[in-house]
N, C-alpha and C. Protein backbone atom coordinates (compact mmCIF):
# COMPACT_ATOMS: atom_id res chain seq x y z
N SER A 1 -0.48 19.82 -1.73
CA SER A 1 -0.26 21.13 -2.33
C SER A 1 -1.40 22.07 -1.94
N ASP A 2 -1.13 23.35 -1.94
CA ASP A 2 -2.13 24.36 -1.61
C ASP A 2 -3.04 24.60 -2.80
N ILE A 3 -4.31 24.85 -2.51
CA ILE A 3 -5.27 25.22 -3.54
C ILE A 3 -5.81 26.59 -3.17
N ASN A 4 -5.64 27.55 -4.05
CA ASN A 4 -6.10 28.91 -3.82
C ASN A 4 -7.52 29.04 -4.38
N ILE A 5 -8.50 29.21 -3.50
CA ILE A 5 -9.90 29.36 -3.91
C ILE A 5 -10.27 30.84 -3.82
N THR A 6 -10.81 31.38 -4.91
CA THR A 6 -11.18 32.79 -4.92
C THR A 6 -12.68 33.02 -4.91
N PHE A 7 -13.47 32.06 -5.37
CA PHE A 7 -14.92 32.16 -5.25
C PHE A 7 -15.59 30.81 -5.43
N ILE A 8 -16.84 30.73 -4.98
CA ILE A 8 -17.62 29.50 -5.05
C ILE A 8 -18.92 29.80 -5.81
N GLU A 9 -19.22 28.95 -6.78
CA GLU A 9 -20.48 29.10 -7.52
C GLU A 9 -21.66 28.92 -6.56
N PRO A 10 -22.82 29.45 -6.92
CA PRO A 10 -24.01 29.15 -6.11
C PRO A 10 -24.24 27.64 -6.07
N TYR A 11 -24.58 27.15 -4.90
CA TYR A 11 -24.84 25.71 -4.76
C TYR A 11 -26.11 25.35 -5.50
N GLU A 12 -26.21 24.08 -5.87
CA GLU A 12 -27.36 23.57 -6.60
C GLU A 12 -27.84 22.28 -5.95
N ILE A 13 -29.16 22.14 -5.81
CA ILE A 13 -29.70 20.86 -5.36
C ILE A 13 -30.04 20.07 -6.61
N LYS A 14 -29.47 18.89 -6.69
CA LYS A 14 -29.60 18.03 -7.87
C LYS A 14 -30.45 16.83 -7.50
N SER A 15 -31.44 16.51 -8.33
CA SER A 15 -32.24 15.31 -8.11
C SER A 15 -32.11 14.39 -9.31
N TYR A 16 -32.00 13.12 -9.00
CA TYR A 16 -31.98 12.07 -10.02
C TYR A 16 -33.17 11.17 -9.74
N VAL A 17 -34.10 11.07 -10.70
CA VAL A 17 -35.25 10.19 -10.56
C VAL A 17 -34.98 8.88 -11.29
N GLU A 18 -35.87 7.94 -11.11
CA GLU A 18 -35.70 6.63 -11.75
C GLU A 18 -35.39 6.79 -13.23
N GLY A 19 -34.31 6.15 -13.67
CA GLY A 19 -33.87 6.21 -15.06
C GLY A 19 -32.77 7.23 -15.32
N ASP A 20 -32.60 8.19 -14.40
CA ASP A 20 -31.56 9.21 -14.58
C ASP A 20 -30.17 8.66 -14.25
N CYS A 21 -29.17 9.20 -14.92
CA CYS A 21 -27.76 8.91 -14.65
C CYS A 21 -26.95 10.09 -15.19
N PHE A 22 -25.66 10.07 -14.94
CA PHE A 22 -24.76 11.09 -15.49
C PHE A 22 -23.50 10.36 -15.90
N SER A 23 -23.22 10.33 -17.20
CA SER A 23 -22.08 9.57 -17.70
C SER A 23 -20.76 10.19 -17.27
N SER A 24 -19.68 9.44 -17.45
CA SER A 24 -18.35 9.87 -17.02
C SER A 24 -17.98 11.21 -17.63
N HIS A 25 -17.49 12.11 -16.77
CA HIS A 25 -17.12 13.45 -17.20
C HIS A 25 -16.22 14.08 -16.14
N ASN A 26 -15.65 15.22 -16.47
CA ASN A 26 -14.99 16.04 -15.44
C ASN A 26 -15.65 17.40 -15.49
N ASP A 27 -15.37 18.22 -14.50
CA ASP A 27 -16.00 19.54 -14.40
C ASP A 27 -15.01 20.68 -14.62
N THR A 28 -13.93 20.38 -15.33
CA THR A 28 -12.93 21.41 -15.61
C THR A 28 -13.50 22.46 -16.55
N ILE A 29 -13.44 23.70 -16.11
CA ILE A 29 -13.82 24.85 -16.93
C ILE A 29 -12.79 25.94 -16.66
N VAL A 30 -12.35 26.60 -17.72
CA VAL A 30 -11.43 27.73 -17.59
C VAL A 30 -12.17 28.96 -18.12
N SER A 31 -12.03 30.08 -17.44
CA SER A 31 -12.68 31.32 -17.88
C SER A 31 -12.14 31.73 -19.26
N PRO A 32 -12.94 32.48 -20.03
CA PRO A 32 -12.50 32.89 -21.37
C PRO A 32 -11.17 33.64 -21.38
N ASP A 33 -10.88 34.38 -20.32
CA ASP A 33 -9.62 35.13 -20.28
C ASP A 33 -8.49 34.35 -19.60
N TYR A 34 -8.73 33.08 -19.31
CA TYR A 34 -7.75 32.19 -18.68
C TYR A 34 -7.24 32.70 -17.33
N SER A 35 -8.08 33.46 -16.62
CA SER A 35 -7.65 33.97 -15.32
C SER A 35 -8.02 33.02 -14.17
N VAL A 36 -9.14 32.29 -14.30
CA VAL A 36 -9.58 31.37 -13.24
C VAL A 36 -10.09 30.07 -13.85
N GLU A 37 -10.15 29.05 -13.01
CA GLU A 37 -10.66 27.75 -13.43
C GLU A 37 -11.36 27.08 -12.24
N ARG A 38 -12.23 26.11 -12.54
CA ARG A 38 -12.81 25.30 -11.48
C ARG A 38 -11.70 24.45 -10.88
N LYS A 39 -11.67 24.42 -9.56
CA LYS A 39 -10.63 23.68 -8.85
C LYS A 39 -11.16 22.47 -8.09
N VAL A 40 -12.28 22.66 -7.37
CA VAL A 40 -12.77 21.64 -6.45
C VAL A 40 -14.28 21.50 -6.59
N ASN A 41 -14.75 20.25 -6.56
CA ASN A 41 -16.18 19.93 -6.53
C ASN A 41 -16.53 19.45 -5.13
N VAL A 42 -17.78 19.64 -4.75
CA VAL A 42 -18.31 19.03 -3.53
C VAL A 42 -19.69 18.48 -3.84
N THR A 43 -19.97 17.30 -3.31
CA THR A 43 -21.30 16.69 -3.38
C THR A 43 -21.69 16.29 -1.97
N VAL A 44 -22.87 16.73 -1.53
CA VAL A 44 -23.36 16.39 -0.20
C VAL A 44 -24.63 15.56 -0.36
N GLN A 45 -24.65 14.40 0.28
CA GLN A 45 -25.79 13.48 0.22
C GLN A 45 -26.96 14.05 1.01
N LEU A 46 -28.13 14.25 0.35
CA LEU A 46 -29.29 14.86 1.00
C LEU A 46 -30.44 13.90 1.25
N CYS A 47 -30.21 12.62 1.09
CA CYS A 47 -31.26 11.65 1.40
C CYS A 47 -30.62 10.39 1.98
N GLU A 48 -31.46 9.59 2.58
CA GLU A 48 -30.98 8.34 3.18
C GLU A 48 -30.67 7.32 2.09
N ASP A 49 -29.72 6.48 2.37
CA ASP A 49 -29.26 5.44 1.45
C ASP A 49 -30.40 4.57 0.92
N ASP A 50 -31.38 4.26 1.77
CA ASP A 50 -32.45 3.32 1.38
C ASP A 50 -33.61 3.99 0.64
N GLU A 51 -33.52 5.29 0.37
CA GLU A 51 -34.59 5.99 -0.33
C GLU A 51 -34.51 5.81 -1.85
N TYR A 52 -33.42 5.24 -2.34
CA TYR A 52 -33.26 5.02 -3.77
C TYR A 52 -32.30 3.85 -3.98
N GLU A 53 -32.34 3.29 -5.20
CA GLU A 53 -31.40 2.25 -5.60
C GLU A 53 -30.67 2.73 -6.84
N GLY A 54 -29.43 2.26 -7.02
CA GLY A 54 -28.59 2.78 -8.09
C GLY A 54 -28.13 4.17 -7.67
N GLY A 55 -27.87 5.04 -8.64
CA GLY A 55 -27.53 6.41 -8.33
C GLY A 55 -26.24 6.59 -7.55
N ASP A 56 -25.31 5.68 -7.74
CA ASP A 56 -24.04 5.76 -7.01
C ASP A 56 -23.12 6.80 -7.65
N LEU A 57 -22.50 7.63 -6.81
CA LEU A 57 -21.46 8.54 -7.27
C LEU A 57 -20.17 7.74 -7.36
N LEU A 58 -19.61 7.69 -8.56
CA LEU A 58 -18.33 7.02 -8.78
C LEU A 58 -17.30 8.08 -9.11
N ILE A 59 -16.23 8.11 -8.36
CA ILE A 59 -15.09 8.98 -8.67
C ILE A 59 -13.98 8.05 -9.10
N GLY A 60 -13.65 8.12 -10.40
CA GLY A 60 -12.81 7.08 -10.97
C GLY A 60 -13.58 5.77 -10.83
N ASN A 61 -12.97 4.77 -10.24
CA ASN A 61 -13.65 3.49 -9.99
C ASN A 61 -14.10 3.35 -8.55
N HIS A 62 -13.99 4.43 -7.77
CA HIS A 62 -14.34 4.38 -6.34
C HIS A 62 -15.81 4.74 -6.13
N LYS A 63 -16.57 3.82 -5.51
CA LYS A 63 -17.96 4.07 -5.16
C LYS A 63 -17.99 4.86 -3.85
N CYS A 64 -18.59 6.04 -3.88
CA CYS A 64 -18.58 6.93 -2.72
C CYS A 64 -19.66 6.54 -1.70
N PRO A 65 -19.45 6.89 -0.43
CA PRO A 65 -20.44 6.62 0.61
C PRO A 65 -21.76 7.32 0.31
N ARG A 66 -22.86 6.74 0.80
CA ARG A 66 -24.20 7.25 0.52
C ARG A 66 -24.94 7.69 1.78
N GLU A 67 -24.30 7.74 2.91
CA GLU A 67 -24.98 8.10 4.14
C GLU A 67 -25.41 9.57 4.10
N PHE A 68 -26.61 9.85 4.63
CA PHE A 68 -27.14 11.21 4.68
C PHE A 68 -26.11 12.16 5.31
N GLY A 69 -25.88 13.29 4.66
CA GLY A 69 -24.96 14.29 5.17
C GLY A 69 -23.51 14.11 4.77
N THR A 70 -23.18 13.00 4.14
CA THR A 70 -21.80 12.78 3.70
C THR A 70 -21.42 13.82 2.65
N ALA A 71 -20.26 14.46 2.85
CA ALA A 71 -19.74 15.43 1.89
C ALA A 71 -18.50 14.84 1.24
N ILE A 72 -18.47 14.86 -0.07
CA ILE A 72 -17.35 14.36 -0.85
C ILE A 72 -16.74 15.54 -1.60
N PHE A 73 -15.47 15.82 -1.33
CA PHE A 73 -14.72 16.86 -2.04
C PHE A 73 -13.72 16.18 -2.97
N PHE A 74 -13.60 16.67 -4.20
CA PHE A 74 -12.63 16.10 -5.13
C PHE A 74 -12.25 17.12 -6.19
N PRO A 75 -11.05 16.99 -6.77
CA PRO A 75 -10.61 17.94 -7.80
C PRO A 75 -11.54 17.92 -9.02
N ALA A 76 -11.81 19.10 -9.56
CA ALA A 76 -12.73 19.22 -10.69
C ALA A 76 -12.26 18.46 -11.93
N HIS A 77 -10.95 18.23 -12.06
CA HIS A 77 -10.44 17.55 -13.27
C HIS A 77 -10.60 16.02 -13.21
N VAL A 78 -11.02 15.48 -12.08
CA VAL A 78 -11.13 14.03 -11.92
C VAL A 78 -12.43 13.52 -12.56
N ILE A 79 -12.31 12.43 -13.31
CA ILE A 79 -13.46 11.82 -13.98
C ILE A 79 -14.40 11.22 -12.93
N HIS A 80 -15.71 11.50 -13.08
CA HIS A 80 -16.71 10.97 -12.16
C HIS A 80 -18.03 10.76 -12.91
N SER A 81 -18.93 10.03 -12.28
CA SER A 81 -20.22 9.72 -12.89
C SER A 81 -21.23 9.38 -11.80
N VAL A 82 -22.50 9.30 -12.20
CA VAL A 82 -23.56 8.81 -11.32
C VAL A 82 -24.26 7.70 -12.08
N THR A 83 -24.32 6.51 -11.45
CA THR A 83 -24.96 5.36 -12.10
C THR A 83 -26.47 5.56 -12.18
N LYS A 84 -27.10 4.80 -13.02
CA LYS A 84 -28.55 4.89 -13.26
C LYS A 84 -29.34 4.62 -11.98
N VAL A 85 -30.28 5.51 -11.67
CA VAL A 85 -31.20 5.30 -10.54
C VAL A 85 -32.25 4.29 -10.99
N THR A 86 -32.42 3.21 -10.23
CA THR A 86 -33.37 2.17 -10.60
C THR A 86 -34.63 2.19 -9.74
N ARG A 87 -34.62 2.94 -8.63
CA ARG A 87 -35.81 3.10 -7.78
C ARG A 87 -35.64 4.35 -6.93
N GLY A 88 -36.73 5.12 -6.77
CA GLY A 88 -36.72 6.27 -5.89
C GLY A 88 -36.06 7.49 -6.52
N THR A 89 -35.69 8.43 -5.66
CA THR A 89 -35.06 9.68 -6.10
C THR A 89 -33.84 9.95 -5.24
N ARG A 90 -32.75 10.29 -5.88
CA ARG A 90 -31.49 10.65 -5.20
C ARG A 90 -31.37 12.17 -5.20
N TYR A 91 -31.17 12.75 -4.01
CA TYR A 91 -30.97 14.20 -3.88
C TYR A 91 -29.57 14.48 -3.36
N SER A 92 -28.92 15.48 -3.94
CA SER A 92 -27.61 15.91 -3.45
C SER A 92 -27.47 17.40 -3.66
N LEU A 93 -26.60 18.00 -2.88
CA LEU A 93 -26.21 19.39 -3.06
C LEU A 93 -24.85 19.36 -3.73
N ILE A 94 -24.70 20.14 -4.80
CA ILE A 94 -23.41 20.17 -5.48
C ILE A 94 -22.88 21.60 -5.51
N GLY A 95 -21.56 21.71 -5.51
CA GLY A 95 -20.92 23.01 -5.57
C GLY A 95 -19.58 22.92 -6.25
N HIS A 96 -19.10 24.06 -6.72
CA HIS A 96 -17.83 24.15 -7.42
C HIS A 96 -17.07 25.37 -6.93
N ALA A 97 -15.80 25.18 -6.59
CA ALA A 97 -14.94 26.27 -6.15
C ALA A 97 -13.94 26.60 -7.26
N TRP A 98 -13.67 27.87 -7.43
CA TRP A 98 -12.79 28.37 -8.48
C TRP A 98 -11.56 29.03 -7.87
N GLY A 99 -10.50 29.08 -8.66
CA GLY A 99 -9.28 29.75 -8.25
C GLY A 99 -8.45 30.12 -9.46
N PRO A 100 -7.30 30.75 -9.23
CA PRO A 100 -6.45 31.18 -10.35
C PRO A 100 -6.09 30.02 -11.28
N TYR A 101 -6.14 30.30 -12.57
CA TYR A 101 -5.77 29.30 -13.58
C TYR A 101 -4.31 28.93 -13.43
N ASN A 102 -4.06 27.63 -13.46
CA ASN A 102 -2.70 27.13 -13.30
C ASN A 102 -2.49 26.00 -14.30
N PRO A 103 -2.03 26.34 -15.53
CA PRO A 103 -1.91 25.31 -16.59
C PRO A 103 -0.93 24.21 -16.25
């Protein structure tokens, strides 16, 4: 199906240090006037796989690739999480694309 994207939030560089995690959630947000909603997320891996342990991006039950430069796009309504970092620091670039609200 087609996804109509009308704007993209400013990108953010996210770091997870030892002990950090992000529990299961989705990124669905609808504007107060119900005109637009978050449609698509992107996460880009900004460090090498061996620079940290843990810190896996899970989309549903799928463990995502960790190679430097890997970009993962997924619908904002999909449940995802980041497992606890047990060594090092995980860096990623995250972004969110918005489009017309479609209930």
